């Protein structure tokens, strides 16, 4: 069983998320982000016992805060990751840091 945080995303030219910034929660803290493809991210979260939440930078406190649970959804267009579908922009994976600007 593993617990993950997702802090950011990479998108293609059409704005579709292709990769995620995954952090592993350990007994001593949280690891640096590792770029995971959409397929790998889905596989990790479909593994029994694994879970993930968003990890959102809080500018007011200058610290990361745990956000929403992330789940795998099987839609007619294929599998993808999503958070709580409550229409709050800040809960969506697309609202996370755009790592295209920071790291390749």
PDB file of N, CA and C in Angstrom:
ATOM      1  N   UNK A   1       0.839  -1.176   0.000  1.00  0.00           N
ATOM      2  CA  UNK A   1       0.000   0.000   0.000  1.00  0.00           C
ATOM      3  C   UNK A   1       0.886   1.242   0.000  1.00  0.00           C
ATOM      4  N   UNK A   2       0.507   2.200  -0.826  1.00  0.00           N
ATOM      5  CA  UNK A   2       1.256   3.446  -0.902  1.00  0.00           C
ATOM      6  C   UNK A   2       0.287   4.621  -0.919  1.00  0.00           C
ATOM      7  N   UNK A   3       0.748   5.716  -0.350  1.00  0.00           N
ATOM      8  CA  UNK A   3      -0.036   6.939  -0.342  1.00  0.00           C
ATOM      9  C   UNK A   3       0.720   7.982  -1.151  1.00  0.00           C
ATOM     10  N   UNK A   4       0.008   8.664  -2.033  1.00  0.00           N
ATOM     11  CA  UNK A   4       0.627   9.630  -2.926  1.00  0.00           C
ATOM     12  C   UNK A   4      -0.035  11.002  -2.805  1.00  0.00           C
ATOM     13  N   UNK A   5       0.719  12.028  -3.199  1.00  0.00           N
ATOM     14  CA  UNK A   5       0.212  13.383  -3.372  1.00  0.00           C
ATOM     15  C   UNK A   5       0.489  13.761  -4.820  1.00  0.00           C
ATOM     16  N   UNK A   6      -0.441  14.477  -5.450  1.00  0.00           N
ATOM     17  CA  UNK A   6      -0.247  14.965  -6.819  1.00  0.00           C
ATOM     18  C   UNK A   6      -0.242  16.487  -6.752  1.00  0.00           C
ATOM     19  N   UNK A   7       0.901  17.091  -7.107  1.00  0.00           N
ATOM     20  CA  UNK A   7       1.061  18.535  -6.944  1.00  0.00           C
ATOM     21  C   UNK A   7       0.963  19.325  -8.244  1.00  0.00           C
ATOM     22  N   UNK A   8       1.073  18.665  -9.366  1.00  0.00           N
ATOM     23  CA  UNK A   8       1.043  19.385 -10.631  1.00  0.00           C
ATOM     24  C   UNK A   8       0.836  18.461 -11.803  1.00  0.00           C
ATOM     25  N   UNK A   9       0.695  19.066 -12.985  1.00  0.00           N
ATOM     26  CA  UNK A   9       0.407  18.306 -14.198  1.00  0.00           C
ATOM     27  C   UNK A   9       1.210  18.842 -15.381  1.00  0.00           C
ATOM     28  N   UNK A  10       1.332  18.012 -16.389  1.00  0.00           N
ATOM     29  CA  UNK A  10       1.853  18.400 -17.703  1.00  0.00           C
ATOM     30  C   UNK A  10       0.716  18.204 -18.685  1.00  0.00           C
ATOM     31  N   UNK A  11       0.582  19.118 -19.638  1.00  0.00           N
ATOM     32  CA  UNK A  11      -0.504  19.046 -20.623  1.00  0.00           C
ATOM     33  C   UNK A  11       0.057  19.066 -22.032  1.00  0.00           C
ATOM     34  N   UNK A  12      -0.720  18.504 -22.966  1.00  0.00           N
ATOM     35  CA  UNK A  12      -0.330  18.563 -24.369  1.00  0.00           C
ATOM     36  C   UNK A  12      -0.843  19.864 -24.982  1.00  0.00           C
ATOM     37  N   UNK A  13      -0.635  20.031 -26.288  1.00  0.00           N
ATOM     38  CA  UNK A  13      -1.013  21.272 -26.975  1.00  0.00           C
ATOM     39  C   UNK A  13      -2.519  21.540 -26.932  1.00  0.00           C
ATOM     40  N   UNK A  14      -3.318  20.506 -26.740  1.00  0.00           N
ATOM     41  CA  UNK A  14      -4.773  20.670 -26.668  1.00  0.00           C
ATOM     42  C   UNK A  14      -5.266  20.917 -25.238  1.00  0.00           C
ATOM     43  N   UNK A  15      -4.342  20.939 -24.275  1.00  0.00           N
ATOM     44  CA  UNK A  15      -4.711  21.172 -22.888  1.00  0.00           C
ATOM     45  C   UNK A  15      -5.110  19.924 -22.124  1.00  0.00           C
ATOM     46  N   UNK A  16      -4.877  18.750 -22.702  1.00  0.00           N
ATOM     47  CA  UNK A  16      -5.199  17.487 -22.045  1.00  0.00           C
ATOM     48  C   UNK A  16      -4.044  17.077 -21.141  1.00  0.00           C
ATOM     49  N   UNK A  17      -4.355  16.691 -19.925  1.00  0.00           N
ATOM     50  CA  UNK A  17      -3.313  16.254 -18.991  1.00  0.00           C
ATOM     51  C   UNK A  17      -2.702  14.955 -19.493  1.00  0.00           C
ATOM     52  N   UNK A  18      -1.366  14.942 -19.594  1.00  0.00           N
ATOM     53  CA  UNK A  18      -0.646  13.760 -20.064  1.00  0.00           C
ATOM     54  C   UNK A  18       0.211  13.123 -18.966  1.00  0.00           C
ATOM     55  N   UNK A  19       0.641  13.932 -18.003  1.00  0.00           N
ATOM     56  CA  UNK A  19       1.509  13.457 -16.920  1.00  0.00           C
ATOM     57  C   UNK A  19       1.135  14.156 -15.616  1.00  0.00           C
ATOM     58  N   UNK A  20       1.548  13.524 -14.521  1.00  0.00           N
ATOM     59  CA  UNK A  20       1.243  14.044 -13.187  1.00  0.00           C
ATOM     60  C   UNK A  20       2.519  14.090 -12.356  1.00  0.00           C
ATOM     61  N   UNK A  21       2.605  15.067 -11.457  1.00  0.00           N
ATOM     62  CA  UNK A  21       3.705  15.159 -10.503  1.00  0.00           C
ATOM     63  C   UNK A  21       3.332  14.382  -9.250  1.00  0.00           C
ATOM     64  N   UNK A  22       3.856  13.161  -9.105  1.00  0.00           N
ATOM     65  CA  UNK A  22       3.545  12.270  -7.986  1.00  0.00           C
ATOM     66  C   UNK A  22       4.599  12.379  -6.898  1.00  0.00           C
ATOM     67  N   UNK A  23       4.145  12.495  -5.664  1.00  0.00           N
ATOM     68  CA  UNK A  23       5.005  12.461  -4.484  1.00  0.00           C
ATOM     69  C   UNK A  23       4.577  11.244  -3.665  1.00  0.00           C
ATOM     70  N   UNK A  24       5.515  10.536  -3.083  1.00  0.00           N
ATOM     71  CA  UNK A  24       5.199   9.411  -2.211  1.00  0.00           C
ATOM     72  C   UNK A  24       5.258   9.884  -0.766  1.00  0.00           C
ATOM     73  N   UNK A  25       4.229   9.550  -0.006  1.00  0.00           N
ATOM     74  CA  UNK A  25       4.206   9.867   1.415  1.00  0.00           C
ATOM     75  C   UNK A  25       4.980   8.770   2.138  1.00  0.00           C
ATOM     76  N   UNK A  26       5.982   9.176   2.921  1.00  0.00           N
ATOM     77  CA  UNK A  26       6.802   8.217   3.660  1.00  0.00           C
ATOM     78  C   UNK A  26       6.628   8.452   5.161  1.00  0.00           C
ATOM     79  N   UNK A  27       7.282   7.641   5.952  1.00  0.00           N
ATOM     80  CA  UNK A  27       7.188   7.797   7.408  1.00  0.00           C
ATOM     81  C   UNK A  27       7.878   9.071   7.885  1.00  0.00           C
ATOM     82  N   UNK A  28       8.746   9.647   7.057  1.00  0.00           N
ATOM     83  CA  UNK A  28       9.475  10.859   7.456  1.00  0.00           C
ATOM     84  C   UNK A  28       9.060  12.108   6.693  1.00  0.00           C
ATOM     85  N   UNK A  29       8.107  11.979   5.782  1.00  0.00           N
ATOM     86  CA  UNK A  29       7.679  13.152   5.015  1.00  0.00           C
ATOM     87  C   UNK A  29       7.147  12.772   3.652  1.00  0.00           C
ATOM     88  N   UNK A  30       7.411  13.648   2.690  1.00  0.00           N
ATOM     89  CA  UNK A  30       6.925  13.459   1.329  1.00  0.00           C
ATOM     90  C   UNK A  30       8.091  13.641   0.372  1.00  0.00           C
ATOM     91  N   UNK A  31       8.196  12.764  -0.620  1.00  0.00           N
ATOM     92  CA  UNK A  31       9.312  12.825  -1.567  1.00  0.00           C
ATOM     93  C   UNK A  31       9.138  13.966  -2.561  1.00  0.00           C
ATOM     94  N   UNK A  32      10.176  14.251  -3.310  1.00  0.00           N
ATOM     95  CA  UNK A  32      10.085  15.206  -4.416  1.00  0.00           C
ATOM     96  C   UNK A  32       9.180  14.631  -5.500  1.00  0.00           C
ATOM     97  N   UNK A  33       8.676  15.510  -6.344  1.00  0.00           N
ATOM     98  CA  UNK A  33       7.785  15.068  -7.420  1.00  0.00           C
ATOM     99  C   UNK A  33       8.526  14.210  -8.431  1.00  0.00           C
ATOM    100  N   UNK A  34       7.839  13.172  -8.889  1.00  0.00           N
ATOM    101  CA  UNK A  34       8.324  12.318  -9.967  1.00  0.00           C
ATOM    102  C   UNK A  34       7.267  12.371 -11.060  1.00  0.00           C
ATOM    103  N   UNK A  35       7.706  12.629 -12.284  1.00  0.00           N
ATOM    104  CA  UNK A  35       6.788  12.721 -13.422  1.00  0.00           C
ATOM    105  C   UNK A  35       6.290  11.334 -13.797  1.00  0.00           C
ATOM    106  N   UNK A  36       4.961  11.157 -13.736  1.00  0.00           N
ATOM    107  CA  UNK A  36       4.340   9.872 -14.074  1.00  0.00           C
ATOM    108  C   UNK A  36       3.380  10.078 -15.233  1.00  0.00           C
ATOM    109  N   UNK A  37       3.429   9.186 -16.213  1.00  0.00           N
ATOM    110  CA  UNK A  37       2.497   9.264 -17.335  1.00  0.00           C
ATOM    111  C   UNK A  37       1.085   8.977 -16.847  1.00  0.00           C
ATOM    112  N   UNK A  38       0.122   9.350 -17.646  1.00  0.00           N
ATOM    113  CA  UNK A  38      -1.275   9.087 -17.321  1.00  0.00           C
ATOM    114  C   UNK A  38      -1.489   7.587 -17.098  1.00  0.00           C
ATOM    115  N   UNK A  39      -0.950   6.761 -17.974  1.00  0.00           N
ATOM    116  CA  UNK A  39      -1.122   5.309 -17.861  1.00  0.00           C
ATOM    117  C   UNK A  39      -0.514   4.774 -16.567  1.00  0.00           C
ATOM    118  N   UNK A  40       0.673   5.246 -16.218  1.00  0.00           N
ATOM    119  CA  UNK A  40       1.327   4.807 -14.989  1.00  0.00           C
ATOM    120  C   UNK A  40       0.553   5.281 -13.762  1.00  0.00           C
ATOM    121  N   UNK A  41       0.059   6.524 -13.807  1.00  0.00           N
ATOM    122  CA  UNK A  41      -0.719   7.062 -12.693  1.00  0.00           C
ATOM    123  C   UNK A  41      -1.980   6.229 -12.469  1.00  0.00           C
ATOM    124  N   UNK A  42      -2.648   5.878 -13.543  1.00  0.00           N
ATOM    125  CA  UNK A  42      -3.857   5.051 -13.447  1.00  0.00           C
ATOM    126  C   UNK A  42      -3.517   3.690 -12.847  1.00  0.00           C
ATOM    127  N   UNK A  43      -2.444   3.095 -13.333  1.00  0.00           N
ATOM    128  CA  UNK A  43      -2.023   1.790 -12.826  1.00  0.00           C
ATOM    129  C   UNK A  43      -1.708   1.853 -11.325  1.00  0.00           C
ATOM    130  N   UNK A  44      -1.011   2.894 -10.894  1.00  0.00           N
ATOM    131  CA  UNK A  44      -0.687   3.041  -9.474  1.00  0.00           C
ATOM    132  C   UNK A  44      -1.955   3.136  -8.619  1.00  0.00           C
ATOM    133  N   UNK A  45      -2.928   3.915  -9.079  1.00  0.00           N
ATOM    134  CA  UNK A  45      -4.129   4.128  -8.279  1.00  0.00           C
ATOM    135  C   UNK A  45      -5.139   2.990  -8.392  1.00  0.00           C
ATOM    136  N   UNK A  46      -4.985   2.147  -9.395  1.00  0.00           N
ATOM    137  CA  UNK A  46      -5.838   0.956  -9.479  1.00  0.00           C
ATOM    138  C   UNK A  46      -5.280  -0.198  -8.653  1.00  0.00           C
ATOM    139  N   UNK A  47      -4.061  -0.060  -8.170  1.00  0.00           N
ATOM    140  CA  UNK A  47      -3.464  -1.077  -7.319  1.00  0.00           C
ATOM    141  C   UNK A  47      -4.134  -1.031  -5.952  1.00  0.00           C
ATOM    142  N   UNK A  48      -4.624  -2.150  -5.517  1.00  0.00           N
ATOM    143  CA  UNK A  48      -5.358  -2.241  -4.256  1.00  0.00           C
ATOM    144  C   UNK A  48      -4.533  -1.665  -3.103  1.00  0.00           C
ATOM    145  N   UNK A  49      -5.164  -0.785  -2.338  1.00  0.00           N
ATOM    146  CA  UNK A  49      -4.513  -0.193  -1.174  1.00  0.00           C
ATOM    147  C   UNK A  49      -3.814   1.118  -1.444  1.00  0.00           C
ATOM    148  N   UNK A  50      -3.549   1.445  -2.704  1.00  0.00           N
ATOM    149  CA  UNK A  50      -2.912   2.720  -3.036  1.00  0.00           C
ATOM    150  C   UNK A  50      -3.953   3.829  -3.066  1.00  0.00           C
ATOM    151  N   UNK A  51      -3.524   5.037  -2.707  1.00  0.00           N
ATOM    152  CA  UNK A  51      -4.433   6.184  -2.736  1.00  0.00           C
ATOM    153  C   UNK A  51      -3.644   7.443  -3.054  1.00  0.00           C
ATOM    154  N   UNK A  52      -4.366   8.465  -3.480  1.00  0.00           N
ATOM    155  CA  UNK A  52      -3.724   9.746  -3.786  1.00  0.00           C
ATOM    156  C   UNK A  52      -4.674  10.883  -3.463  1.00  0.00           C
ATOM    157  N   UNK A  53      -4.080  12.011  -3.114  1.00  0.00           N
ATOM    158  CA  UNK A  53      -4.821  13.254  -2.932  1.00  0.00           C
ATOM    159  C   UNK A  53      -4.055  14.341  -3.672  1.00  0.00           C
ATOM    160  N   UNK A  54      -4.756  15.423  -3.969  1.00  0.00           N
ATOM    161  CA  UNK A  54      -4.048  16.561  -4.538  1.00  0.00           C
ATOM    162  C   UNK A  54      -3.227  17.206  -3.432  1.00  0.00           C
ATOM    163  N   UNK A  55      -2.212  17.932  -3.830  1.00  0.00           N
ATOM    164  CA  UNK A  55      -1.342  18.638  -2.890  1.00  0.00           C
ATOM    165  C   UNK A  55      -1.239  20.055  -3.423  1.00  0.00           C
ATOM    166  N   UNK A  56      -1.845  20.985  -2.745  1.00  0.00           N
ATOM    167  CA  UNK A  56      -2.027  22.333  -3.256  1.00  0.00           C
ATOM    168  C   UNK A  56      -1.156  23.317  -2.478  1.00  0.00           C
ATOM    169  N   UNK A  57      -0.447  24.179  -3.206  1.00  0.00           N
ATOM    170  CA  UNK A  57       0.369  25.206  -2.563  1.00  0.00           C
ATOM    171  C   UNK A  57      -0.549  26.287  -2.007  1.00  0.00           C
ATOM    172  N   UNK A  58      -0.420  26.555  -0.726  1.00  0.00           N
ATOM    173  CA  UNK A  58      -1.218  27.570  -0.058  1.00  0.00           C
ATOM    174  C   UNK A  58      -0.352  28.818   0.082  1.00  0.00           C
ATOM    175  N   UNK A  59      -0.640  29.823  -0.719  1.00  0.00           N
ATOM    176  CA  UNK A  59       0.179  31.038  -0.722  1.00  0.00           C
ATOM    177  C   UNK A  59       0.081  31.808   0.585  1.00  0.00           C
ATOM    178  N   UNK A  60      -1.044  31.713   1.248  1.00  0.00           N
ATOM    179  CA  UNK A  60      -1.235  32.448   2.499  1.00  0.00           C
ATOM    180  C   UNK A  60      -0.331  31.901   3.607  1.00  0.00           C
ATOM    181  N   UNK A  61      -0.261  30.570   3.712  1.00  0.00           N
ATOM    182  CA  UNK A  61       0.556  29.965   4.763  1.00  0.00           C
ATOM    183  C   UNK A  61       1.956  29.593   4.283  1.00  0.00           C
ATOM    184  N   UNK A  62       2.191  29.717   2.971  1.00  0.00           N
ATOM    185  CA  UNK A  62       3.474  29.327   2.366  1.00  0.00           C
ATOM    186  C   UNK A  62       3.814  27.873   2.676  1.00  0.00           C
ATOM    187  N   UNK A  63       2.825  27.020   2.490  1.00  0.00           N
ATOM    188  CA  UNK A  63       3.000  25.608   2.786  1.00  0.00           C
ATOM    189  C   UNK A  63       2.039  24.794   1.912  1.00  0.00           C
ATOM    190  N   UNK A  64       2.368  23.545   1.688  1.00  0.00           N
ATOM    191  CA  UNK A  64       1.503  22.647   0.939  1.00  0.00           C
ATOM    192  C   UNK A  64       0.349  22.182   1.821  1.00  0.00           C
ATOM    193  N   UNK A  65      -0.838  22.074   1.241  1.00  0.00           N
ATOM    194  CA  UNK A  65      -1.993  21.536   1.962  1.00  0.00           C
ATOM    195  C   UNK A  65      -2.583  20.375   1.175  1.00  0.00           C
ATOM    196  N   UNK A  66      -3.067  19.396   1.904  1.00  0.00           N
ATOM    197  CA  UNK A  66      -3.698  18.236   1.285  1.00  0.00           C
ATOM    198  C   UNK A  66      -5.070  18.653   0.778  1.00  0.00           C
ATOM    199  N   UNK A  67      -5.351  18.313  -0.463  1.00  0.00           N
ATOM    200  CA  UNK A  67      -6.616  18.682  -1.091  1.00  0.00           C
ATOM    201  C   UNK A  67      -7.587  17.531  -1.149  1.00  0.00           C
ATOM    202  N   UNK A  68      -8.057  17.252  -2.343  1.00  0.00           N
ATOM    203  CA  UNK A  68      -9.112  16.262  -2.576  1.00  0.00           C
ATOM    204  C   UNK A  68      -8.553  14.882  -2.898  1.00  0.00           C
ATOM    205  N   UNK A  69      -9.354  13.861  -2.636  1.00  0.00           N
ATOM    206  CA  UNK A  69      -9.010  12.506  -3.051  1.00  0.00           C
ATOM    207  C   UNK A  69      -9.029  12.431  -4.568  1.00  0.00           C
ATOM    208  N   UNK A  70      -8.141  11.613  -5.112  1.00  0.00           N
ATOM    209  CA  UNK A  70      -8.061  11.406  -6.561  1.00  0.00           C
ATOM    210  C   UNK A  70      -8.486   9.965  -6.838  1.00  0.00           C
ATOM    211  N   UNK A  71      -9.320   9.792  -7.853  1.00  0.00           N
ATOM    212  CA  UNK A  71      -9.804   8.460  -8.194  1.00  0.00           C
ATOM    213  C   UNK A  71      -9.677   8.223  -9.696  1.00  0.00           C
ATOM    214  N   UNK A  72      -9.681   6.950 -10.073  1.00  0.00           N
ATOM    215  CA  UNK A  72      -9.677   6.555 -11.481  1.00  0.00           C
ATOM    216  C   UNK A  72     -11.125   6.417 -11.929  1.00  0.00           C
ATOM    217  N   UNK A  73     -11.434   7.039 -13.063  1.00  0.00           N
ATOM    218  CA  UNK A  73     -12.769   6.967 -13.645  1.00  0.00           C
ATOM    219  C   UNK A  73     -12.655   6.261 -14.986  1.00  0.00           C
ATOM    220  N   UNK A  74     -13.586   5.348 -15.252  1.00  0.00           N
ATOM    221  CA  UNK A  74     -13.612   4.643 -16.534  1.00  0.00           C
ATOM    222  C   UNK A  74     -14.758   5.208 -17.361  1.00  0.00           C
ATOM    223  N   UNK A  75     -14.435   6.117 -18.269  1.00  0.00           N
ATOM    224  CA  UNK A  75     -15.436   6.772 -19.112  1.00  0.00           C
ATOM    225  C   UNK A  75     -15.463   6.124 -20.496  1.00  0.00           C
ATOM    226  N   UNK A  76     -16.393   6.536 -21.314  1.00  0.00           N
ATOM    227  CA  UNK A  76     -16.497   5.983 -22.666  1.00  0.00           C
ATOM    228  C   UNK A  76     -15.265   6.316 -23.508  1.00  0.00           C
ATOM    229  N   UNK A  77     -14.565   7.384 -23.153  1.00  0.00           N
ATOM    230  CA  UNK A  77     -13.353   7.781 -23.881  1.00  0.00           C
ATOM    231  C   UNK A  77     -12.089   7.163 -23.293  1.00  0.00           C
ATOM    232  N   UNK A  78     -12.227   6.390 -22.231  1.00  0.00           N
ATOM    233  CA  UNK A  78     -11.086   5.743 -21.596  1.00  0.00           C
ATOM    234  C   UNK A  78     -10.952   6.163 -20.140  1.00  0.00           C
ATOM    235  N   UNK A  79      -9.964   5.610 -19.476  1.00  0.00           N
ATOM    236  CA  UNK A  79      -9.745   5.899 -18.061  1.00  0.00           C
ATOM    237  C   UNK A  79      -9.002   7.219 -17.892  1.00  0.00           C
ATOM    238  N   UNK A  80      -9.313   7.890 -16.798  1.00  0.00           N
ATOM    239  CA  UNK A  80      -8.601   9.116 -16.448  1.00  0.00           C
ATOM    240  C   UNK A  80      -8.717   9.344 -14.949  1.00  0.00           C
ATOM    241  N   UNK A  81      -7.922  10.281 -14.420  1.00  0.00           N
ATOM    242  CA  UNK A  81      -7.965  10.618 -12.999  1.00  0.00           C
ATOM    243  C   UNK A  81      -8.847  11.838 -12.796  1.00  0.00           C
ATOM    244  N   UNK A  82      -9.548  11.869 -11.662  1.00  0.00           N
ATOM    245  CA  UNK A  82     -10.323  13.047 -11.325  1.00  0.00           C
ATOM    246  C   UNK A  82     -10.442  13.151  -9.808  1.00  0.00           C
ATOM    247  N   UNK A  83     -10.805  14.344  -9.377  1.00  0.00           N
ATOM    248  CA  UNK A  83     -11.064  14.587  -7.967  1.00  0.00           C
ATOM    249  C   UNK A  83     -12.573  14.616  -7.751  1.00  0.00           C
ATOM    250  N   UNK A  84     -12.975  15.024  -6.586  1.00  0.00           N
ATOM    251  CA  UNK A  84     -14.389  15.157  -6.244  1.00  0.00           C
ATOM    252  C   UNK A  84     -15.076  16.054  -7.277  1.00  0.00           C
ATOM    253  N   UNK A  85     -16.048  15.539  -8.010  1.00  0.00           N
ATOM    254  CA  UNK A  85     -16.684  16.327  -9.069  1.00  0.00           C
ATOM    255  C   UNK A  85     -17.733  17.305  -8.530  1.00  0.00           C
ATOM    256  N   UNK A  86     -17.288  18.282  -7.746  1.00  0.00           N
ATOM    257  CA  UNK A  86     -18.238  19.216  -7.131  1.00  0.00           C
ATOM    258  C   UNK A  86     -18.205  20.598  -7.769  1.00  0.00           C
ATOM    259  N   UNK A  87     -17.551  20.714  -8.903  1.00  0.00           N
ATOM    260  CA  UNK A  87     -17.483  21.955  -9.679  1.00  0.00           C
ATOM    261  C   UNK A  87     -16.669  23.073  -9.023  1.00  0.00           C
ATOM    262  N   UNK A  88     -15.927  22.780  -7.972  1.00  0.00           N
ATOM    263  CA  UNK A  88     -15.041  23.786  -7.393  1.00  0.00           C
ATOM    264  C   UNK A  88     -13.732  23.761  -8.169  1.00  0.00           C
ATOM    265  N   UNK A  89     -13.392  24.857  -8.776  1.00  0.00           N
ATOM    266  CA  UNK A  89     -12.206  24.913  -9.637  1.00  0.00           C
ATOM    267  C   UNK A  89     -10.942  24.480  -8.909  1.00  0.00           C
ATOM    268  N   UNK A  90     -10.790  24.899  -7.666  1.00  0.00           N
ATOM    269  CA  UNK A  90      -9.563  24.596  -6.939  1.00  0.00           C
ATOM    270  C   UNK A  90      -9.442  23.132  -6.555  1.00  0.00           C
ATOM    271  N   UNK A  91     -10.476  22.343  -6.733  1.00  0.00           N
ATOM    272  CA  UNK A  91     -10.414  20.911  -6.440  1.00  0.00           C
ATOM    273  C   UNK A  91     -10.016  20.087  -7.656  1.00  0.00           C
ATOM    274  N   UNK A  92      -9.941  20.683  -8.814  1.00  0.00           N
ATOM    275  CA  UNK A  92      -9.700  19.949 -10.048  1.00  0.00           C
ATOM    276  C   UNK A  92      -8.212  19.765 -10.323  1.00  0.00           C
ATOM    277  N   UNK A  93      -7.860  18.632 -10.906  1.00  0.00           N
ATOM    278  CA  UNK A  93      -6.461  18.363 -11.238  1.00  0.00           C
ATOM    279  C   UNK A  93      -5.914  19.395 -12.222  1.00  0.00           C
ATOM    280  N   UNK A  94      -6.751  19.886 -13.116  1.00  0.00           N
ATOM    281  CA  UNK A  94      -6.326  20.892 -14.080  1.00  0.00           C
ATOM    282  C   UNK A  94      -5.947  22.214 -13.447  1.00  0.00           C
ATOM    283  N   UNK A  95      -6.332  22.424 -12.209  1.00  0.00           N
ATOM    284  CA  UNK A  95      -6.025  23.659 -11.482  1.00  0.00           C
ATOM    285  C   UNK A  95      -4.660  23.587 -10.787  1.00  0.00           C
ATOM    286  N   UNK A  96      -4.071  22.410 -10.718  1.00  0.00           N
ATOM    287  CA  UNK A  96      -2.771  22.265 -10.069  1.00  0.00           C
ATOM    288  C   UNK A  96      -1.685  22.978 -10.868  1.00  0.00           C
ATOM    289  N   UNK A  97      -0.503  23.074 -10.298  1.00  0.00           N
ATOM    290  CA  UNK A  97       0.623  23.738 -10.947  1.00  0.00           C
ATOM    291  C   UNK A  97       0.873  23.123 -12.325  1.00  0.00           C
ATOM    292  N   UNK A  98       1.063  23.993 -13.324  1.00  0.00           N
ATOM    293  CA  UNK A  98       1.387  23.552 -14.672  1.00  0.00           C
ATOM    294  C   UNK A  98       2.903  23.361 -14.744  1.00  0.00           C
ATOM    295  N   UNK A  99       3.345  22.129 -14.632  1.00  0.00           N
ATOM    296  CA  UNK A  99       4.785  21.844 -14.614  1.00  0.00           C
ATOM    297  C   UNK A  99       5.440  22.002 -15.981  1.00  0.00           C
ATOM    298  N   UNK A 100       4.670  22.181 -17.045  1.00  0.00           N
ATOM    299  CA  UNK A 100       5.274  22.440 -18.350  1.00  0.00           C
ATOM    300  C   UNK A 100       6.203  23.645 -18.278  1.00  0.00           C
ATOM    301  N   UNK A 101       5.869  24.603 -17.430  1.00  0.00           N
ATOM    302  CA  UNK A 101       6.650  25.831 -17.299  1.00  0.00           C
ATOM    303  C   UNK A 101       7.871  25.641 -16.404  1.00  0.00           C
ATOM    304  N   UNK A 102       7.861  24.602 -15.577  1.00  0.00           N
ATOM    305  CA  UNK A 102       8.926  24.431 -14.596  1.00  0.00           C
ATOM    306  C   UNK A 102       9.898  23.327 -14.925  1.00  0.00           C
ATOM    307  N   UNK A 103       9.397  22.210 -15.432  1.00  0.00           N
ATOM    308  CA  UNK A 103      10.246  21.046 -15.672  1.00  0.00           C
ATOM    309  C   UNK A 103       9.703  20.240 -16.831  1.00  0.00           C
ATOM    310  N   UNK A 104      10.584  19.622 -17.561  1.00  0.00           N
ATOM    311  CA  UNK A 104      10.136  18.791 -18.696  1.00  0.00           C
ATOM    312  C   UNK A 104      10.017  17.355 -18.307  1.00  0.00           C
TER     313      UNK A 104
END
